[in-house]
Amino acid sequence: EAAMLRLALTRLRALNYSVAGAIAPTIGAAWAVSHFA
């Protein structure tokens, strides 16, 4: 999971996109952590 998250963020930042991400057990938790942590 850590490598997958790193891959998703790295390739988007290489395309000059501002991005944050998170992996969590629920949709609400993944959305909350990616926005506010």
All heavy atoms as atom14 arrays in JSON, in Angstrom:
{
  "sequence": "EAAMLRLALTRLRALNYSVAGAIAPTIGAAWAVSHFA",
  "atom14_mask": [
    [1, 1, 1, 1, 1, 1, 1, 1, 1, 0, 0, 0, 0, 0],
    [1, 1, 1, 1, 1, 0, 0, 0, 0, 0, 0, 0, 0, 0],
    [1, 1, 1, 1, 1, 0, 0, 0, 0, 0, 0, 0, 0, 0],
    [1, 1, 1, 1, 1, 1, 1, 1, 0, 0, 0, 0, 0, 0],
    [1, 1, 1, 1, 1, 1, 1, 1, 0, 0, 0, 0, 0, 0],
    [1, 1, 1, 1, 1, 1, 1, 1, 1, 1, 1, 0, 0, 0],
    [1, 1, 1, 1, 1, 1, 1, 1, 0, 0, 0, 0, 0, 0],
    [1, 1, 1, 1, 1, 0, 0, 0, 0, 0, 0, 0, 0, 0],
    [1, 1, 1, 1, 1, 1, 1, 1, 0, 0, 0, 0, 0, 0],
    [1, 1, 1, 1, 1, 1, 1, 0, 0, 0, 0, 0, 0, 0],
    [1, 1, 1, 1, 1, 1, 1, 1, 1, 1, 1, 0, 0, 0],
    [1, 1, 1, 1, 1, 1, 1, 1, 0, 0, 0, 0, 0, 0],
    [1, 1, 1, 1, 1, 1, 1, 1, 1, 1, 1, 0, 0, 0],
    [1, 1, 1, 1, 1, 0, 0, 0, 0, 0, 0, 0, 0, 0],
    [1, 1, 1, 1, 1, 1, 1, 1, 0, 0, 0, 0, 0, 0],
    [1, 1, 1, 1, 1, 1, 1, 1, 0, 0, 0, 0, 0, 0],
    [1, 1, 1, 1, 1, 1, 1, 1, 1, 1, 1, 1, 0, 0],
    [1, 1, 1, 1, 1, 1, 0, 0, 0, 0, 0, 0, 0, 0],
    [1, 1, 1, 1, 1, 1, 1, 0, 0, 0, 0, 0, 0, 0],
    [1, 1, 1, 1, 1, 0, 0, 0, 0, 0, 0, 0, 0, 0],
    [1, 1, 1, 1, 0, 0, 0, 0, 0, 0, 0, 0, 0, 0],
    [1, 1, 1, 1, 1, 0, 0, 0, 0, 0, 0, 0, 0, 0],
    [1, 1, 1, 1, 1, 1, 1, 1, 0, 0, 0, 0, 0, 0],
    [1, 1, 1, 1, 1, 0, 0, 0, 0, 0, 0, 0, 0, 0],
    [1, 1, 1, 1, 1, 1, 1, 0, 0, 0, 0, 0, 0, 0],
    [1, 1, 1, 1, 1, 1, 1, 0, 0, 0, 0, 0, 0, 0],
    [1, 1, 1, 1, 1, 1, 1, 1, 0, 0, 0, 0, 0, 0],
    [1, 1, 1, 1, 0, 0, 0, 0, 0, 0, 0, 0, 0, 0],
    [1, 1, 1, 1, 1, 0, 0, 0, 0, 0, 0, 0, 0, 0],
    [1, 1, 1, 1, 1, 0, 0, 0, 0, 0, 0, 0, 0, 0],
    [1, 1, 1, 1, 1, 1, 1, 1, 1, 1, 1, 1, 1, 1],
    [1, 1, 1, 1, 1, 0, 0, 0, 0, 0, 0, 0, 0, 0],
    [1, 1, 1, 1, 1, 1, 1, 0, 0, 0, 0, 0, 0, 0],
    [1, 1, 1, 1, 1, 1, 0, 0, 0, 0, 0, 0, 0, 0],
    [1, 1, 1, 1, 1, 1, 1, 1, 1, 1, 0, 0, 0, 0],
    [1, 1, 1, 1, 1, 1, 1, 1, 1, 1, 1, 0, 0, 0],
    [1, 1, 1, 1, 1, 0, 0, 0, 0, 0, 0, 0, 0, 0]
  ],
  "atom14_positions": [
    [[0.81, -1.21, 0.0], [0.0, 0.0, 0.0], [0.85, 1.26, 0.0], [0.54, 2.23, -0.7], [-0.94, -0.01, 1.21], [-2.02, -1.09, 1.14], [-2.96, -1.02, 2.32], [-2.64, -0.29, 3.29], [-4.01, -1.69, 2.29], [0.0, 0.0, 0.0], [0.0, 0.0, 0.0], [0.0, 0.0, 0.0], [0.0, 0.0, 0.0], [0.0, 0.0, 0.0]],
    [[1.93, 1.26, 0.77], [2.78, 2.46, 0.81], [3.41, 2.73, -0.55], [3.44, 3.88, -1.01], [3.85, 2.29, 1.89], [0.0, 0.0, 0.0], [0.0, 0.0, 0.0], [0.0, 0.0, 0.0], [0.0, 0.0, 0.0], [0.0, 0.0, 0.0], [0.0, 0.0, 0.0], [0.0, 0.0, 0.0], [0.0, 0.0, 0.0], [0.0, 0.0, 0.0]],
    [[3.89, 1.68, -1.2], [4.48, 1.86, -2.53], [3.44, 2.28, -3.56], [3.71, 3.1, -4.45], [5.17, 0.57, -2.97], [0.0, 0.0, 0.0], [0.0, 0.0, 0.0], [0.0, 0.0, 0.0], [0.0, 0.0, 0.0], [0.0, 0.0, 0.0], [0.0, 0.0, 0.0], [0.0, 0.0, 0.0], [0.0, 0.0, 0.0], [0.0, 0.0, 0.0]],
    [[2.22, 1.76, -3.43], [1.15, 2.13, -4.36], [0.77, 3.59, -4.19], [0.57, 4.32, -5.18], [-0.06, 1.23, -4.14], [-1.18, 1.41, -5.13], [-2.52, 0.24, -4.85], [-3.57, 0.6, -6.26], [0.0, 0.0, 0.0], [0.0, 0.0, 0.0], [0.0, 0.0, 0.0], [0.0, 0.0, 0.0], [0.0, 0.0, 0.0], [0.0, 0.0, 0.0]],
    [[0.66, 4.05, -2.94], [0.34, 5.45, -2.7], [1.46, 6.35, -3.21], [1.21, 7.4, -3.82], [0.12, 5.67, -1.2], [-0.15, 7.11, -0.76], [-1.4, 7.66, -1.43], [-0.27, 7.19, 0.76], [0.0, 0.0, 0.0], [0.0, 0.0, 0.0], [0.0, 0.0, 0.0], [0.0, 0.0, 0.0], [0.0, 0.0, 0.0], [0.0, 0.0, 0.0]],
    [[2.69, 5.94, -2.99], [3.83, 6.73, -3.46], [3.83, 6.82, -4.98], [4.1, 7.88, -5.55], [5.13, 6.09, -2.96], [6.36, 6.97, -3.16], [7.63, 6.28, -2.67], [7.47, 5.78, -1.31], [7.42, 4.48, -0.99], [7.53, 3.56, -1.95], [7.26, 4.1, 0.24], [0.0, 0.0, 0.0], [0.0, 0.0, 0.0], [0.0, 0.0, 0.0]],
    [[3.52, 5.72, -5.65], [3.46, 5.72, -7.12], [2.37, 6.66, -7.62], [2.58, 7.45, -8.56], [3.22, 4.31, -7.64], [2.94, 4.16, -9.13], [4.15, 4.6, -9.94], [2.54, 2.73, -9.48], [0.0, 0.0, 0.0], [0.0, 0.0, 0.0], [0.0, 0.0, 0.0], [0.0, 0.0, 0.0], [0.0, 0.0, 0.0], [0.0, 0.0, 0.0]],
    [[1.18, 6.59, -7.0], [0.07, 7.44, -7.44], [0.4, 8.91, -7.28], [0.08, 9.74, -8.15], [-1.19, 7.07, -6.67], [0.0, 0.0, 0.0], [0.0, 0.0, 0.0], [0.0, 0.0, 0.0], [0.0, 0.0, 0.0], [0.0, 0.0, 0.0], [0.0, 0.0, 0.0], [0.0, 0.0, 0.0], [0.0, 0.0, 0.0], [0.0, 0.0, 0.0]],
    [[1.03, 9.27, -6.17], [1.35, 10.68, -5.93], [2.51, 11.15, -6.78], [2.5, 12.28, -7.32], [1.67, 10.88, -4.44], [0.54, 10.58, -3.45], [1.03, 10.79, -2.02], [-0.68, 11.44, -3.72], [0.0, 0.0, 0.0], [0.0, 0.0, 0.0], [0.0, 0.0, 0.0], [0.0, 0.0, 0.0], [0.0, 0.0, 0.0], [0.0, 0.0, 0.0]],
    [[3.53, 10.31, -6.93], [4.73, 10.71, -7.66], [4.42, 10.99, -9.13], [4.88, 11.99, -9.7], [5.8, 9.63, -7.54], [6.1, 9.41, -6.16], [7.06, 10.03, -8.28], [0.0, 0.0, 0.0], [0.0, 0.0, 0.0], [0.0, 0.0, 0.0], [0.0, 0.0, 0.0], [0.0, 0.0, 0.0], [0.0, 0.0, 0.0], [0.0, 0.0, 0.0]],
    [[3.65, 10.11, -9.76], [3.4, 10.31, -11.19], [2.5, 11.51, -11.45], [2.61, 12.14, -12.51], [2.82, 9.04, -11.8], [1.43, 8.67, -11.33], [0.97, 7.41, -12.03], [-0.44, 7.11, -11.78], [-1.11, 6.12, -12.35], [-0.5, 5.33, -13.21], [-2.37, 5.92, -12.08], [0.0, 0.0, 0.0], [0.0, 0.0, 0.0], [0.0, 0.0, 0.0]],
    [[1.61, 11.85, -10.51], [0.79, 13.05, -10.68], [1.6, 14.31, -10.45], [1.43, 15.32, -11.15], [-0.41, 13.0, -9.74], [-1.48, 11.95, -10.08], [-2.63, 12.02, -9.08], [-2.02, 12.14, -11.48], [0.0, 0.0, 0.0], [0.0, 0.0, 0.0], [0.0, 0.0, 0.0], [0.0, 0.0, 0.0], [0.0, 0.0, 0.0], [0.0, 0.0, 0.0]],
    [[2.49, 14.29, -9.46], [3.33, 15.46, -9.22], [4.32, 15.67, -10.36], [4.7, 16.81, -10.65], [4.05, 15.29, -7.89], [3.12, 15.45, -6.68], [3.75, 14.98, -5.39], [2.81, 15.12, -4.26], [2.98, 14.56, -3.08], [4.07, 13.81, -2.85], [2.08, 14.72, -2.12], [0.0, 0.0, 0.0], [0.0, 0.0, 0.0], [0.0, 0.0, 0.0]],
    [[4.73, 14.57, -11.0], [5.6, 14.71, -12.17], [4.88, 15.39, -13.33], [5.53, 15.97, -14.21], [6.12, 13.34, -12.6], [0.0, 0.0, 0.0], [0.0, 0.0, 0.0], [0.0, 0.0, 0.0], [0.0, 0.0, 0.0], [0.0, 0.0, 0.0], [0.0, 0.0, 0.0], [0.0, 0.0, 0.0], [0.0, 0.0, 0.0], [0.0, 0.0, 0.0]],
    [[3.54, 15.32, -13.33], [2.74, 15.99, -14.35], [2.33, 17.4, -13.93], [1.45, 18.0, -14.55], [1.49, 15.16, -14.66], [1.74, 13.76, -15.22], [0.44, 12.98, -15.32], [2.42, 13.83, -16.56], [0.0, 0.0, 0.0], [0.0, 0.0, 0.0], [0.0, 0.0, 0.0], [0.0, 0.0, 0.0], [0.0, 0.0, 0.0], [0.0, 0.0, 0.0]],
    [[2.93, 17.89, -12.82], [2.67, 19.25, -12.3], [1.26, 19.4, -11.73], [0.66, 20.48, -11.81], [2.92, 20.31, -13.38], [4.36, 20.34, -13.85], [5.27, 20.16, -13.05], [4.56, 20.55, -15.14], [0.0, 0.0, 0.0], [0.0, 0.0, 0.0], [0.0, 0.0, 0.0], [0.0, 0.0, 0.0], [0.0, 0.0, 0.0], [0.0, 0.0, 0.0]],
    [[0.74, 18.34, -11.15], [-0.53, 18.41, -10.44], [-0.26, 18.51, -8.94], [0.56, 17.76, -8.4], [-1.4, 17.19, -10.69], [-2.05, 17.16, -12.05], [-1.65, 16.24, -13.01], [-3.07, 18.04, -12.36], [-2.25, 16.2, -14.27], [-3.68, 18.02, -13.61], [-3.27, 17.1, -14.55], [-3.86, 17.08, -15.78], [0.0, 0.0, 0.0], [0.0, 0.0, 0.0]],
    [[-0.94, 19.4, -8.26], [-0.92, 19.45, -6.8], [-1.85, 18.36, -6.28], [-3.04, 18.35, -6.62], [-1.38, 20.82, -6.29], [-0.55, 21.85, -6.79], [0.0, 0.0, 0.0], [0.0, 0.0, 0.0], [0.0, 0.0, 0.0], [0.0, 0.0, 0.0], [0.0, 0.0, 0.0], [0.0, 0.0, 0.0], [0.0, 0.0, 0.0], [0.0, 0.0, 0.0]],
    [[-1.34, 17.44, -5.46], [-2.13, 16.28, -5.08], [-1.74, 15.83, -3.68], [-0.59, 15.98, -3.25], [-1.92, 15.12, -6.09], [-0.47, 14.7, -6.15], [-2.82, 13.94, -5.76], [0.0, 0.0, 0.0], [0.0, 0.0, 0.0], [0.0, 0.0, 0.0], [0.0, 0.0, 0.0], [0.0, 0.0, 0.0], [0.0, 0.0, 0.0], [0.0, 0.0, 0.0]],
    [[-2.71, 15.33, -2.96], [-2.52, 14.67, -1.68], [-3.34, 13.38, -1.7], [-4.36, 13.3, -2.4], [-2.95, 15.56, -0.52], [0.0, 0.0, 0.0], [0.0, 0.0, 0.0], [0.0, 0.0, 0.0], [0.0, 0.0, 0.0], [0.0, 0.0, 0.0], [0.0, 0.0, 0.0], [0.0, 0.0, 0.0], [0.0, 0.0, 0.0], [0.0, 0.0, 0.0]],
    [[-2.91, 12.39, -0.94], [-3.6, 11.1, -0.98], [-3.53, 10.38, 0.35], [-2.71, 10.71, 1.22], [0.0, 0.0, 0.0], [0.0, 0.0, 0.0], [0.0, 0.0, 0.0], [0.0, 0.0, 0.0], [0.0, 0.0, 0.0], [0.0, 0.0, 0.0], [0.0, 0.0, 0.0], [0.0, 0.0, 0.0], [0.0, 0.0, 0.0], [0.0, 0.0, 0.0]],
    [[-4.4, 9.4, 0.5], [-4.43, 8.59, 1.71], [-5.08, 7.26, 1.4], [-5.94, 7.16, 0.51], [-5.19, 9.31, 2.84], [0.0, 0.0, 0.0], [0.0, 0.0, 0.0], [0.0, 0.0, 0.0], [0.0, 0.0, 0.0], [0.0, 0.0, 0.0], [0.0, 0.0, 0.0], [0.0, 0.0, 0.0], [0.0, 0.0, 0.0], [0.0, 0.0, 0.0]],
    [[-4.67, 6.23, 2.14], [-5.28, 4.9, 2.06], [-5.87, 4.6, 3.43], [-5.19, 4.72, 4.45], [-4.25, 3.84, 1.65], [-3.73, 4.12, 0.23], [-4.85, 2.44, 1.73], [-2.68, 3.13, -0.25], [0.0, 0.0, 0.0], [0.0, 0.0, 0.0], [0.0, 0.0, 0.0], [0.0, 0.0, 0.0], [0.0, 0.0, 0.0], [0.0, 0.0, 0.0]],
    [[-7.15, 4.2, 3.44], [-7.86, 3.98, 4.7], [-8.88, 2.87, 4.51], [-9.2, 2.48, 3.38], [-8.53, 5.27, 5.17], [0.0, 0.0, 0.0], [0.0, 0.0, 0.0], [0.0, 0.0, 0.0], [0.0, 0.0, 0.0], [0.0, 0.0, 0.0], [0.0, 0.0, 0.0], [0.0, 0.0, 0.0], [0.0, 0.0, 0.0], [0.0, 0.0, 0.0]],
    [[-9.45, 2.37, 5.63], [-10.43, 1.28, 5.52], [-11.79, 1.71, 5.0], [-12.59, 0.86, 4.61], [-10.54, 0.74, 6.96], [-9.38, 1.3, 7.69], [-9.05, 2.59, 7.02], [0.0, 0.0, 0.0], [0.0, 0.0, 0.0], [0.0, 0.0, 0.0], [0.0, 0.0, 0.0], [0.0, 0.0, 0.0], [0.0, 0.0, 0.0], [0.0, 0.0, 0.0]],
    [[-12.11, 3.0, 5.02], [-13.41, 3.49, 4.57], [-13.23, 4.63, 3.59], [-12.18, 5.31, 3.57], [-14.28, 3.97, 5.75], [-13.66, 5.11, 6.36], [-14.44, 2.86, 6.8], [0.0, 0.0, 0.0], [0.0, 0.0, 0.0], [0.0, 0.0, 0.0], [0.0, 0.0, 0.0], [0.0, 0.0, 0.0], [0.0, 0.0, 0.0], [0.0, 0.0, 0.0]],
    [[-14.27, 4.87, 2.8], [-14.23, 5.98, 1.84], [-14.17, 7.31, 2.58], [-13.4, 8.21, 2.22], [-15.46, 5.91, 0.91], [-15.41, 4.64, 0.04], [-15.55, 7.15, 0.04], [-16.62, 4.45, -0.84], [0.0, 0.0, 0.0], [0.0, 0.0, 0.0], [0.0, 0.0, 0.0], [0.0, 0.0, 0.0], [0.0, 0.0, 0.0], [0.0, 0.0, 0.0]],
    [[-14.99, 7.45, 3.63], [-15.0, 8.7, 4.38], [-13.66, 9.0, 5.03], [-13.21, 10.15, 5.05], [0.0, 0.0, 0.0], [0.0, 0.0, 0.0], [0.0, 0.0, 0.0], [0.0, 0.0, 0.0], [0.0, 0.0, 0.0], [0.0, 0.0, 0.0], [0.0, 0.0, 0.0], [0.0, 0.0, 0.0], [0.0, 0.0, 0.0], [0.0, 0.0, 0.0]],
    [[-13.01, 7.97, 5.56], [-11.71, 8.2, 6.19], [-10.65, 8.56, 5.17], [-9.81, 9.46, 5.41], [-11.3, 6.95, 6.97], [0.0, 0.0, 0.0], [0.0, 0.0, 0.0], [0.0, 0.0, 0.0], [0.0, 0.0, 0.0], [0.0, 0.0, 0.0], [0.0, 0.0, 0.0], [0.0, 0.0, 0.0], [0.0, 0.0, 0.0], [0.0, 0.0, 0.0]],
    [[-10.64, 7.9, 4.01], [-9.67, 8.23, 2.97], [-9.87, 9.66, 2.47], [-8.89, 10.39, 2.24], [-9.78, 7.24, 1.82], [0.0, 0.0, 0.0], [0.0, 0.0, 0.0], [0.0, 0.0, 0.0], [0.0, 0.0, 0.0], [0.0, 0.0, 0.0], [0.0, 0.0, 0.0], [0.0, 0.0, 0.0], [0.0, 0.0, 0.0], [0.0, 0.0, 0.0]],
    [[-11.11, 10.07, 2.32], [-11.38, 11.45, 1.89], [-10.93, 12.45, 2.95], [-10.31, 13.47, 2.64], [-12.88, 11.62, 1.61], [-13.25, 12.91, 0.97], [-13.38, 13.17, -0.36], [-13.56, 14.15, 1.64], [-13.74, 14.47, -0.57], [-13.87, 15.1, 0.64], [-13.61, 14.52, 2.96], [-14.21, 16.41, 0.94], [-13.95, 15.85, 3.28], [-14.25, 16.77, 2.27]],
    [[-11.24, 12.16, 4.22], [-10.91, 13.09, 5.3], [-9.4, 13.25, 5.46], [-8.89, 14.37, 5.58], [-11.54, 12.6, 6.6], [0.0, 0.0, 0.0], [0.0, 0.0, 0.0], [0.0, 0.0, 0.0], [0.0, 0.0, 0.0], [0.0, 0.0, 0.0], [0.0, 0.0, 0.0], [0.0, 0.0, 0.0], [0.0, 0.0, 0.0], [0.0, 0.0, 0.0]],
    [[-8.66, 12.14, 5.46], [-7.22, 12.22, 5.66], [-6.54, 12.91, 4.48], [-5.61, 13.71, 4.66], [-6.65, 10.81, 5.89], [-5.13, 10.84, 5.97], [-7.22, 10.21, 7.17], [0.0, 0.0, 0.0], [0.0, 0.0, 0.0], [0.0, 0.0, 0.0], [0.0, 0.0, 0.0], [0.0, 0.0, 0.0], [0.0, 0.0, 0.0], [0.0, 0.0, 0.0]],
    [[-7.0, 12.62, 3.25], [-6.38, 13.24, 2.08], [-6.62, 14.75, 2.05], [-5.81, 15.49, 1.48], [-6.91, 12.6, 0.79], [-8.31, 12.83, 0.64], [0.0, 0.0, 0.0], [0.0, 0.0, 0.0], [0.0, 0.0, 0.0], [0.0, 0.0, 0.0], [0.0, 0.0, 0.0], [0.0, 0.0, 0.0], [0.0, 0.0, 0.0], [0.0, 0.0, 0.0]],
    [[-7.71, 15.22, 2.66], [-8.02, 16.65, 2.65], [-7.4, 17.4, 3.81], [-7.01, 18.57, 3.66], [-9.53, 16.85, 2.67], [-10.18, 16.76, 1.32], [-10.72, 17.83, 0.67], [-10.38, 15.7, 0.51], [-11.23, 17.44, -0.5], [-11.03, 16.14, -0.61], [0.0, 0.0, 0.0], [0.0, 0.0, 0.0], [0.0, 0.0, 0.0], [0.0, 0.0, 0.0]],
    [[-7.33, 16.78, 5.0], [-7.0, 17.53, 6.21], [-5.82, 16.95, 6.99], [-5.6, 17.31, 8.13], [-8.23, 17.57, 7.14], [-9.4, 18.29, 6.54], [-10.39, 17.6, 5.86], [-9.51, 19.67, 6.63], [-11.47, 18.26, 5.31], [-10.58, 20.34, 6.09], [-11.57, 19.64, 5.41], [0.0, 0.0, 0.0], [0.0, 0.0, 0.0], [0.0, 0.0, 0.0]],
    [[-5.06, 16.05, 6.37], [-3.86, 15.52, 7.02], [-2.82, 15.25, 5.94], [-3.1, 15.38, 4.74], [-4.17, 14.26, 7.82], [0.0, 0.0, 0.0], [0.0, 0.0, 0.0], [0.0, 0.0, 0.0], [0.0, 0.0, 0.0], [0.0, 0.0, 0.0], [0.0, 0.0, 0.0], [0.0, 0.0, 0.0], [0.0, 0.0, 0.0], [0.0, 0.0, 0.0]]
  ]
}
